[in-house]
């Protein structure tokens, strides 16, 4: 059932159920008003570190702008984040964007320069926190000199409320999606996983018989994907989708991101329901809590369990126990 835009229900505009939006969202770096400076301008210079631990690395050396040198410098920083610190690709990309923005601002590479850069900030507290994190990684960890970023406190990020769609709104939205996106929708809604985790799944990571996912898109130091699960609704749509596929690609959902966004935007316009992968993630957590699932297991389903907790309480988070808890909840998305 896919209702036209003009036929949307007025109730869908009301916040029926509230879900809490957590901190640390990925933010755009186009949030700084730098006295008329264009953010894509060439930086006047950057600090090129010497060998790790050396005096030159600690002090840094300002070198003139050169596109080859500059790009190579950012590449080295990205490799440091990914290899030395073991950060995830999305985090590496975001940190690199903030550092590039700082270097392009023309501010001095000092505490005064960082202060001026942050003073020009005009976005959300969460985005400012991400900028501070990135600059700490750059100066303190990469360059070996934390004096430029010492003393800056992380801004307080207050949780905001998110209006979640009704079950009827979810059903209308689902009916306006093509078959492949219906399968993606139901896997997202019934698993509570992140969009990147679901879209990166390969066929071998999906156990259709048991309804088990083994995602590997997010495995940071404080969060760890253990297992994901999907319900009967998602299983049936997955089987239909896979039977209709004519390619032999190993990826479960080969998608072109602009096409993905366009399909979901059109479905929202036609159904009158505001649904995104992030909304489905919050809807899953809220619905599982309503069904009586303890918070610690909802966290496990959604990949918010630190490695240390998994190591100490392995039995609680075993596949068999998590699957039993998930099945007992009887989660329904459309039903």
Protein backbone atom coordinates (compact mmCIF):
# COMPACT_ATOMS: atom_id res chain seq x y z
CA UNK A 1 0.00 0.00 0.00
CA UNK A 2 1.58 3.22 -1.15
CA UNK A 3 -0.42 6.38 -0.56
CA UNK A 4 0.19 9.50 -2.70
CA UNK A 5 1.77 12.52 -1.06
CA UNK A 6 -1.54 14.40 -0.99
CA UNK A 7 -3.18 11.57 0.91
CA UNK A 8 -0.79 11.44 3.84
CA UNK A 9 -2.29 11.08 7.30
CA UNK A 10 -2.05 14.10 9.54
CA UNK A 11 -1.20 11.81 12.46
CA UNK A 12 2.13 11.02 10.85
CA UNK A 13 3.28 14.54 11.57
CA UNK A 14 2.81 14.05 15.31
CA UNK A 15 5.51 12.62 17.60
CA UNK A 16 3.69 9.47 18.71
CA UNK A 17 6.69 7.75 20.25
CA UNK A 18 9.91 9.49 21.15
CA UNK A 19 13.31 7.92 20.61
CA UNK A 20 16.52 9.38 22.01
CA UNK A 21 19.13 10.37 19.47
CA UNK A 22 22.59 9.62 20.82
CA UNK A 23 25.72 11.70 20.51
CA UNK A 24 28.55 11.28 18.01
CA UNK A 25 26.60 11.56 14.76
CA UNK A 26 28.57 12.04 11.57
CA UNK A 27 28.46 15.76 10.80
CA UNK A 28 29.25 17.94 7.82
CA UNK A 29 32.37 20.05 8.21
CA UNK A 30 30.76 22.98 6.44
CA UNK A 31 30.08 24.56 9.83
CA UNK A 32 32.74 27.22 10.24
CA UNK A 33 32.43 30.91 9.36
CA UNK A 34 36.05 31.87 8.92
CA UNK A 35 35.82 35.62 8.33
CA UNK A 36 34.92 35.20 4.69
CA UNK A 37 37.59 32.62 3.97
CA UNK A 38 36.60 30.02 1.41
CA UNK A 39 36.97 26.58 2.89
CA UNK A 40 38.27 25.11 -0.35
CA UNK A 41 41.14 27.57 -0.62
CA UNK A 42 44.72 26.32 -0.64
CA UNK A 43 46.32 26.19 2.81
CA UNK A 44 49.34 28.42 3.28
CA UNK A 45 51.30 25.61 4.87
CA UNK A 46 51.15 22.55 7.06
CA UNK A 47 53.25 20.71 9.62
CA UNK A 48 55.29 17.90 8.19
CA UNK A 49 56.36 15.44 10.90
CA UNK A 50 59.77 13.85 10.95
CA UNK A 51 60.54 10.39 12.27
CA UNK A 52 58.31 9.15 15.13
CA UNK A 53 59.56 10.31 18.51
CA UNK A 54 62.15 12.70 17.11
CA UNK A 55 62.53 16.30 18.21
CA UNK A 56 61.53 17.49 14.74
CA UNK A 57 58.33 15.47 14.90
CA UNK A 58 57.45 16.89 18.31
CA UNK A 59 58.13 20.44 17.22
CA UNK A 60 56.91 20.09 13.65
CA UNK A 61 58.19 21.85 10.56
CA UNK A 62 56.05 24.30 8.61
CA UNK A 63 56.41 23.68 4.89
CA UNK A 64 54.93 25.78 2.04
CA UNK A 65 51.80 24.57 0.33
CA UNK A 66 52.36 22.10 -2.46
CA UNK A 67 49.49 19.98 -3.73
CA UNK A 68 51.60 16.82 -3.83
CA UNK A 69 53.08 17.41 -0.38
CA UNK A 70 49.73 18.38 1.11
CA UNK A 71 47.80 15.42 -0.28
CA UNK A 72 50.59 13.11 0.76
CA UNK A 73 50.55 14.58 4.26
CA UNK A 74 46.81 13.98 4.64
CA UNK A 75 47.21 10.49 3.23
CA UNK A 76 49.91 9.74 5.79
CA UNK A 77 47.62 11.05 8.54
CA UNK A 78 44.80 8.83 7.29
CA UNK A 79 47.07 5.80 7.22
CA UNK A 80 48.20 6.61 10.77
CA UNK A 81 44.58 6.68 11.95
CA UNK A 82 43.68 3.45 10.18
CA UNK A 83 46.82 1.39 10.78
CA UNK A 84 48.42 2.72 13.96
CA UNK A 85 45.22 3.57 15.86
CA UNK A 86 42.94 1.00 14.20
CA UNK A 87 40.11 3.46 13.60
CA UNK A 88 37.23 2.64 11.29
CA UNK A 89 37.10 4.02 7.70
CA UNK A 90 34.23 6.43 8.42
CA UNK A 91 36.07 7.83 11.43
CA UNK A 92 39.28 8.18 9.41
CA UNK A 93 37.41 10.04 6.69
CA UNK A 94 35.72 12.39 9.16
CA UNK A 95 38.91 13.17 11.08
CA UNK A 96 40.74 13.85 7.82
CA UNK A 97 38.01 16.27 6.72
CA UNK A 98 38.27 18.33 9.90
CA UNK A 99 42.06 18.44 9.75
CA UNK A 100 41.99 19.47 6.09
CA UNK A 101 39.51 22.21 7.00
CA UNK A 102 41.78 23.47 9.76
CA UNK A 103 44.86 23.47 7.52
CA UNK A 104 42.91 25.34 4.83
CA UNK A 105 41.75 27.98 7.33
CA UNK A 106 45.15 29.65 7.46
CA UNK A 107 45.17 29.83 11.26
CA UNK A 108 48.50 29.29 13.05
CA UNK A 109 49.35 25.74 14.00
CA UNK A 110 49.25 26.55 17.69
CA UNK A 111 46.82 26.66 20.60
CA UNK A 112 45.85 30.18 19.58
CA UNK A 113 45.17 28.99 16.05
CA UNK A 114 43.05 26.07 17.23
CA UNK A 115 41.14 28.40 19.54
CA UNK A 116 40.43 30.81 16.68
CA UNK A 117 39.36 27.91 14.47
CA UNK A 118 36.92 26.59 17.09
CA UNK A 119 35.66 30.10 17.83
CA UNK A 120 34.52 30.32 14.21
CA UNK A 121 32.36 27.26 14.71
CA UNK A 122 28.63 27.68 14.04
CA UNK A 123 27.26 24.15 14.06
CA UNK A 124 26.01 21.64 16.62
CA UNK A 125 27.87 20.72 19.82
CA UNK A 126 28.32 17.17 18.50
CA UNK A 127 30.08 18.47 15.40
CA UNK A 128 32.34 20.72 17.46
CA UNK A 129 33.22 17.70 19.61
CA UNK A 130 34.17 15.78 16.48
CA UNK A 131 36.41 18.67 15.39
CA UNK A 132 38.22 18.65 18.74
CA UNK A 133 38.67 14.88 18.55
CA UNK A 134 40.14 15.16 15.05
CA UNK A 135 42.56 17.91 16.02
CA UNK A 136 43.67 15.94 19.09
CA UNK A 137 44.45 12.98 16.86
CA UNK A 138 46.37 15.22 14.50
CA UNK A 139 48.48 17.30 16.89
CA UNK A 140 48.83 15.06 19.93
CA UNK A 141 48.89 11.59 18.37
CA UNK A 142 50.15 12.12 14.80
CA UNK A 143 52.55 15.02 15.32
CA UNK A 144 53.49 14.04 18.86
CA UNK A 145 52.78 17.48 20.34
CA UNK A 146 49.60 17.98 22.35
CA UNK A 147 50.30 21.55 23.41
CA UNK A 148 48.12 22.98 20.63
CA UNK A 149 45.04 21.02 21.76
CA UNK A 150 45.55 20.81 25.52
CA UNK A 151 42.84 22.25 27.73
CA UNK A 152 39.96 22.26 25.24
CA UNK A 153 36.91 20.69 26.85
CA UNK A 154 34.46 18.61 24.91
CA UNK A 155 31.12 20.46 24.56
CA UNK A 156 28.17 18.94 26.34
CA UNK A 157 25.95 17.10 23.86
CA UNK A 158 22.35 17.01 24.99
CA UNK A 159 20.25 14.13 23.62
CA UNK A 160 17.48 15.25 21.30
CA UNK A 161 14.12 13.62 20.69
CA UNK A 162 13.20 11.92 17.46
CA UNK A 163 9.61 11.42 16.32
CA UNK A 164 9.25 7.78 15.30
CA UNK A 165 6.78 6.68 12.62
CA UNK A 166 3.74 4.58 13.41
CA UNK A 167 3.54 0.96 12.28
CA UNK A 168 1.05 2.08 9.63
CA UNK A 169 3.54 4.66 8.41
CA UNK A 170 6.25 2.01 8.20
CA UNK A 171 3.96 -0.23 6.17
CA UNK A 172 3.08 2.55 3.73
CA UNK A 173 6.74 3.51 3.32
CA UNK A 174 7.73 -0.13 2.75
CA UNK A 175 5.03 -0.49 0.08
CA UNK A 176 6.49 2.42 -1.89
CA UNK A 177 9.97 0.89 -2.17
CA UNK A 178 11.29 -1.37 -4.97
CA UNK A 179 11.82 -5.03 -4.02
CA UNK A 180 15.54 -4.72 -3.22
CA UNK A 181 14.94 -1.71 -1.00
CA UNK A 182 12.04 -3.47 0.72
CA UNK A 183 14.50 -6.20 1.70
CA UNK A 184 17.01 -3.60 2.93
CA UNK A 185 14.24 -1.82 4.85
CA UNK A 186 13.12 -4.97 6.66
CA UNK A 187 16.66 -6.08 7.51
CA UNK A 188 17.42 -2.62 8.92
CA UNK A 189 14.18 -2.41 10.89
CA UNK A 190 14.29 -5.94 12.32
CA UNK A 191 18.03 -5.97 13.10
CA UNK A 192 18.62 -2.40 14.33
CA UNK A 193 21.97 -2.32 12.55
CA UNK A 194 23.56 0.69 10.89
CA UNK A 195 23.07 1.36 7.19
CA UNK A 196 26.77 0.83 6.45
CA UNK A 197 26.73 -2.53 8.21
CA UNK A 198 23.74 -3.82 6.26
CA UNK A 199 24.88 -2.51 2.88
CA UNK A 200 28.34 -4.05 3.35
CA UNK A 201 26.98 -7.54 4.02
CA UNK A 202 28.00 -10.34 1.70
CA UNK A 203 25.81 -13.37 1.05
CA UNK A 204 28.07 -15.56 3.17
CA UNK A 205 27.37 -13.33 6.19
CA UNK A 206 23.66 -14.10 6.09
CA UNK A 207 22.17 -17.29 7.52
CA UNK A 208 18.65 -17.34 6.08
CA UNK A 209 17.62 -20.49 7.90
CA UNK A 210 18.45 -19.15 11.37
CA UNK A 211 17.95 -15.43 10.69
CA UNK A 212 21.48 -14.53 11.75
CA UNK A 213 23.82 -11.82 10.43
CA UNK A 214 27.56 -11.55 11.07
CA UNK A 215 28.37 -7.95 10.05
CA UNK A 216 31.91 -6.66 9.98
CA UNK A 217 31.45 -2.99 9.02
CA UNK A 218 31.95 -1.67 12.54
CA UNK A 219 34.50 -3.06 14.98
CA UNK A 220 35.94 -0.14 16.88
CA UNK A 221 37.70 -0.17 20.24
CA UNK A 222 34.62 0.79 22.26
CA UNK A 223 31.95 -0.89 20.14
CA UNK A 224 31.81 -4.33 18.64
CA UNK A 225 29.41 -6.04 16.30
CA UNK A 226 28.79 -9.46 17.68
CA UNK A 227 25.76 -10.86 15.89
CA UNK A 228 22.73 -9.38 14.19
CA UNK A 229 19.32 -10.95 13.75
CA UNK A 230 16.36 -10.47 11.43
CA UNK A 231 12.75 -11.59 11.68
CA UNK A 232 10.48 -13.71 9.50
CA UNK A 233 9.24 -10.68 7.54
CA UNK A 234 12.80 -9.84 6.50
CA UNK A 235 13.57 -13.48 5.72
CA UNK A 236 10.61 -13.79 3.35
CA UNK A 237 11.48 -10.57 1.52
CA UNK A 238 15.16 -11.55 1.32
CA UNK A 239 14.27 -14.91 -0.23
CA UNK A 240 12.02 -13.16 -2.77
CA UNK A 241 14.71 -10.60 -3.57
CA UNK A 242 17.49 -13.18 -3.96
CA UNK A 243 15.31 -15.38 -6.17
CA UNK A 244 14.71 -12.41 -8.50
CA UNK A 245 18.40 -11.49 -8.83
CA UNK A 246 20.11 -12.39 -12.08
CA UNK A 247 23.69 -11.44 -11.18
CA UNK A 248 26.28 -13.49 -9.31
CA UNK A 249 27.71 -10.71 -7.18
CA UNK A 250 28.76 -11.78 -3.70
CA UNK A 251 27.48 -8.59 -2.09
CA UNK A 252 24.02 -9.03 -0.59
CA UNK A 253 22.80 -5.55 -1.56
CA UNK A 254 24.83 -4.05 -4.41
CA UNK A 255 23.59 -0.46 -4.42
CA UNK A 256 24.63 2.89 -5.82
CA UNK A 257 24.33 5.34 -2.95
CA UNK A 258 22.69 8.19 -4.92
CA UNK A 259 20.13 5.67 -6.18
CA UNK A 260 19.57 4.40 -2.65
CA UNK A 261 18.92 7.90 -1.33
CA UNK A 262 16.63 8.73 -4.23
CA UNK A 263 14.51 5.57 -3.74
CA UNK A 264 14.05 6.28 -0.02
CA UNK A 265 13.32 9.95 -0.61
CA UNK A 266 10.66 9.13 -3.19
CA UNK A 267 9.10 6.56 -0.87
CA UNK A 268 8.93 9.16 1.91
CA UNK A 269 7.25 11.66 -0.41
CA UNK A 270 4.73 9.13 -1.73
CA UNK A 271 3.89 7.52 1.61
CA UNK A 272 3.95 10.63 3.79
CA UNK A 273 6.11 8.82 6.37
CA UNK A 274 9.55 10.12 7.31
CA UNK A 275 11.73 7.01 7.41
CA UNK A 276 15.51 6.75 7.15
CA UNK A 277 17.98 4.02 8.19
CA UNK A 278 18.75 6.03 11.34
CA UNK A 279 15.05 6.32 12.16
CA UNK A 280 14.71 2.54 11.80
CA UNK A 281 17.66 2.02 14.14
CA UNK A 282 15.98 4.12 16.83
CA UNK A 283 12.61 2.49 16.12
CA UNK A 284 14.17 -0.95 16.68
CA UNK A 285 15.64 0.05 20.06
CA UNK A 286 12.38 1.63 21.17
CA UNK A 287 10.28 -1.36 20.04
CA UNK A 288 12.58 -3.92 21.64
CA UNK A 289 12.41 -2.00 24.93
CA UNK A 290 8.60 -1.96 24.67
CA UNK A 291 8.70 -5.74 24.19
CA UNK A 292 10.63 -6.11 27.43
CA UNK A 293 14.15 -6.76 26.16
CA UNK A 294 16.80 -5.52 28.67
CA UNK A 295 18.92 -2.58 27.54
CA UNK A 296 22.19 -4.55 27.61
CA UNK A 297 20.87 -6.98 25.02
CA UNK A 298 19.45 -4.23 22.83
CA UNK A 299 22.96 -2.72 22.92
CA UNK A 300 24.37 -6.11 21.88
CA UNK A 301 21.95 -6.40 18.95
CA UNK A 302 22.98 -2.93 17.77
CA UNK A 303 26.75 -3.27 18.24
CA UNK A 304 27.27 -1.11 21.31
CA UNK A 305 29.10 -3.66 23.46
CA UNK A 306 32.77 -2.87 24.32
CA UNK A 307 35.27 -5.67 23.90
CA UNK A 308 36.00 -5.70 27.62
CA UNK A 309 32.35 -6.44 28.42
CA UNK A 310 32.25 -9.24 25.86
CA UNK A 311 35.36 -10.77 27.36
CA UNK A 312 33.98 -10.70 30.91
CA UNK A 313 30.46 -11.84 30.07
CA UNK A 314 30.94 -14.07 27.05
CA UNK A 315 28.16 -16.49 28.00
CA UNK A 316 25.51 -13.76 28.21
CA UNK A 317 26.39 -12.64 24.70
CA UNK A 318 26.73 -16.05 23.07
CA UNK A 319 24.93 -16.60 19.80
CA UNK A 320 22.51 -19.08 21.35
CA UNK A 321 21.51 -16.75 24.19
CA UNK A 322 21.15 -13.66 22.03
CA UNK A 323 19.12 -15.58 19.45
CA UNK A 324 16.81 -16.94 22.14
CA UNK A 325 16.22 -13.44 23.54
CA UNK A 326 15.61 -12.00 20.08
CA UNK A 327 13.12 -14.73 19.11
CA UNK A 328 11.27 -14.47 22.42
CA UNK A 329 10.66 -10.77 21.82
CA UNK A 330 8.66 -11.58 18.66
CA UNK A 331 9.50 -8.33 16.88
CA UNK A 332 7.10 -7.34 14.08
CA UNK A 333 7.76 -4.48 11.69
CA UNK A 334 4.74 -4.52 9.39
CA UNK A 335 2.48 -6.97 11.20
